[in-house]
Each structure stands twice: as C-alpha cells, then as structure tokens.
Amino acid sequence: MIRHIVLWKLREELGAEEKDRIKVGIKEGLEGLFGKIPGLREIDVQMKGTDGSTADLMLDSVFEDLEALAAYRKHPAHVEVATTRVRPFVEQRLCLNFEG
C-alpha cells in the first residue's frame, strides 16, 4: 500500500471566512472521490489543526500501489477537484508518498 500525504497552506490574502468555505469545498471534493477512483482505499482531509500548525489542510490517503496513485493523479474526477477547488487557493503544497 502507498500512503499519500499532502499539506496545503492557503493564500494569505484570503479572509478567515473565505478560508473556512474553501476548506469545506476541498474536503467535500476530495473525500467525494472515494469509490470513484480504482485503487483508492482511504481518503481523509483534516481542516482543523491545533495551535502552532503551519498548514491549513492535510490530505491523508491510501492507495493499493504506485500505479493506483499514478492513475489517481490523472483521473478526470481528481483533476476537476484539484483544478477548481484546490489550486486556485493554495500558495504552498508539500507532499510525501511512502509505502506502509
């Protein structure tokens, strides 16, 4: 299995209410991919870090193998969510993939 972790920092110029709305949209969009993409076993978006957190959101997902992760990246449903709900609002993205 491959675990795919992504941390996002939203753009600083966004207001608090706007950030909250965007976080909900990202969470709903990404978690809504479950059952639609072959090889995607788990997907969870955390939106509420504790004090001291330097990221606004975290994606924690599990794939059957590297091929399933590669297919997810190109899957039209994922591309649509990433293009409309994530990328326009993000200033920084960090990713770590590992076997586990």
Protein backbone atom coordinates (compact mmCIF):
# COMPACT_ATOMS: atom_id res chain seq x y z
CA MET A 1 0.00 0.00 0.00
CA ILE A 2 1.05 3.58 -0.67
CA ARG A 3 0.17 6.40 1.69
CA HIS A 4 -0.14 9.82 0.01
CA ILE A 5 0.03 12.79 2.40
CA VAL A 6 -0.40 16.38 1.20
CA LEU A 7 -0.20 19.58 3.26
CA TRP A 8 -1.56 22.85 1.91
CA LYS A 9 -1.14 26.45 3.01
CA LEU A 10 -3.92 28.66 1.67
CA ARG A 11 -3.12 32.06 0.19
CA GLU A 12 -2.51 34.67 2.89
CA GLU A 13 -4.76 37.29 1.31
CA LEU A 14 -7.85 35.13 1.83
CA GLY A 15 -10.06 36.14 4.75
CA ALA A 16 -10.88 33.77 7.61
CA GLU A 17 -14.47 33.13 6.47
CA GLU A 18 -13.34 32.60 2.90
CA LYS A 19 -10.65 30.15 4.06
CA ASP A 20 -13.25 28.21 6.05
CA ARG A 21 -15.51 27.98 2.98
CA ILE A 22 -12.60 26.88 0.77
CA LYS A 23 -11.52 24.22 3.29
CA VAL A 24 -15.01 22.72 3.30
CA GLY A 25 -15.04 22.69 -0.51
CA ILE A 26 -11.67 20.95 -0.66
CA LYS A 27 -12.70 18.38 1.95
CA GLU A 28 -16.02 17.62 0.25
CA GLY A 29 -14.42 17.48 -3.19
CA LEU A 30 -11.55 15.18 -2.30
CA GLU A 31 -13.45 12.90 0.06
CA GLY A 32 -16.16 12.67 -2.59
CA LEU A 33 -13.67 10.83 -4.80
CA PHE A 34 -13.90 7.73 -2.62
CA GLY A 35 -15.49 4.90 -4.58
CA LYS A 36 -14.94 6.70 -7.89
CA ILE A 37 -11.23 6.02 -8.41
CA PRO A 38 -9.93 2.45 -8.67
CA GLY A 39 -7.24 1.62 -6.13
CA LEU A 40 -8.14 4.45 -3.73
CA ARG A 41 -8.65 2.65 -0.42
CA GLU A 42 -8.92 5.54 2.06
CA ILE A 43 -9.16 9.32 1.87
CA ASP A 44 -9.48 11.87 4.66
CA VAL A 45 -8.99 15.63 4.74
CA GLN A 46 -8.20 17.31 8.05
CA MET A 47 -9.15 21.00 8.23
CA LYS A 48 -8.63 21.88 11.88
CA GLY A 49 -5.04 21.83 13.05
CA THR A 50 -4.14 22.69 16.61
CA ASP A 51 -2.36 25.89 17.63
CA GLY A 52 1.13 26.01 16.19
CA SER A 53 0.20 24.26 12.94
CA THR A 54 1.77 25.84 9.87
CA ALA A 55 -0.50 24.18 7.29
CA ASP A 56 -4.21 24.83 6.76
CA LEU A 57 -5.25 21.39 5.48
CA MET A 58 -3.94 17.85 5.24
CA LEU A 59 -4.91 15.09 2.84
CA ASP A 60 -4.25 11.57 4.11
CA SER A 61 -4.99 8.90 1.52
CA VAL A 62 -4.08 5.28 0.89
CA PHE A 63 -3.70 3.56 -2.50
CA GLU A 64 -3.26 -0.09 -3.44
CA ASP A 65 0.07 0.60 -5.15
CA LEU A 66 2.10 3.21 -7.05
CA GLU A 67 0.14 2.52 -10.22
CA ALA A 68 -3.13 3.36 -8.46
CA LEU A 69 -1.60 6.61 -7.16
CA ALA A 70 -0.41 7.50 -10.66
CA ALA A 71 -3.89 6.78 -12.06
CA TYR A 72 -5.48 8.96 -9.34
CA ARG A 73 -3.33 11.92 -10.33
CA LYS A 74 -4.64 11.74 -13.91
CA HIS A 75 -8.22 10.66 -13.17
CA PRO A 76 -10.68 13.26 -14.54
CA ALA A 77 -12.62 13.45 -11.25
CA HIS A 78 -9.44 14.21 -9.30
CA VAL A 79 -8.19 16.68 -11.91
CA GLU A 80 -11.52 18.54 -11.72
CA VAL A 81 -11.37 18.84 -7.92
CA ALA A 82 -7.70 19.87 -7.95
CA THR A 83 -8.25 22.43 -10.71
CA THR A 84 -11.40 24.05 -9.32
CA ARG A 85 -11.28 23.61 -5.53
CA VAL A 86 -7.61 23.37 -4.57
CA ARG A 87 -5.02 25.01 -6.84
CA PRO A 88 -6.66 28.44 -7.19
CA PHE A 89 -6.49 28.97 -3.41
CA VAL A 90 -3.16 27.40 -2.42
CA GLU A 91 0.14 29.18 -2.03
CA GLN A 92 2.16 26.18 -0.85
CA ARG A 93 1.87 22.40 -1.23
CA LEU A 94 4.00 19.69 0.32
CA CYS A 95 3.62 16.01 -0.45
CA LEU A 96 5.04 12.78 0.94
CA ASN A 97 4.34 9.35 -0.51
CA PHE A 98 5.54 6.23 1.28
CA GLU A 99 4.96 2.51 1.50
CA GLY A 100 3.22 1.38 4.59
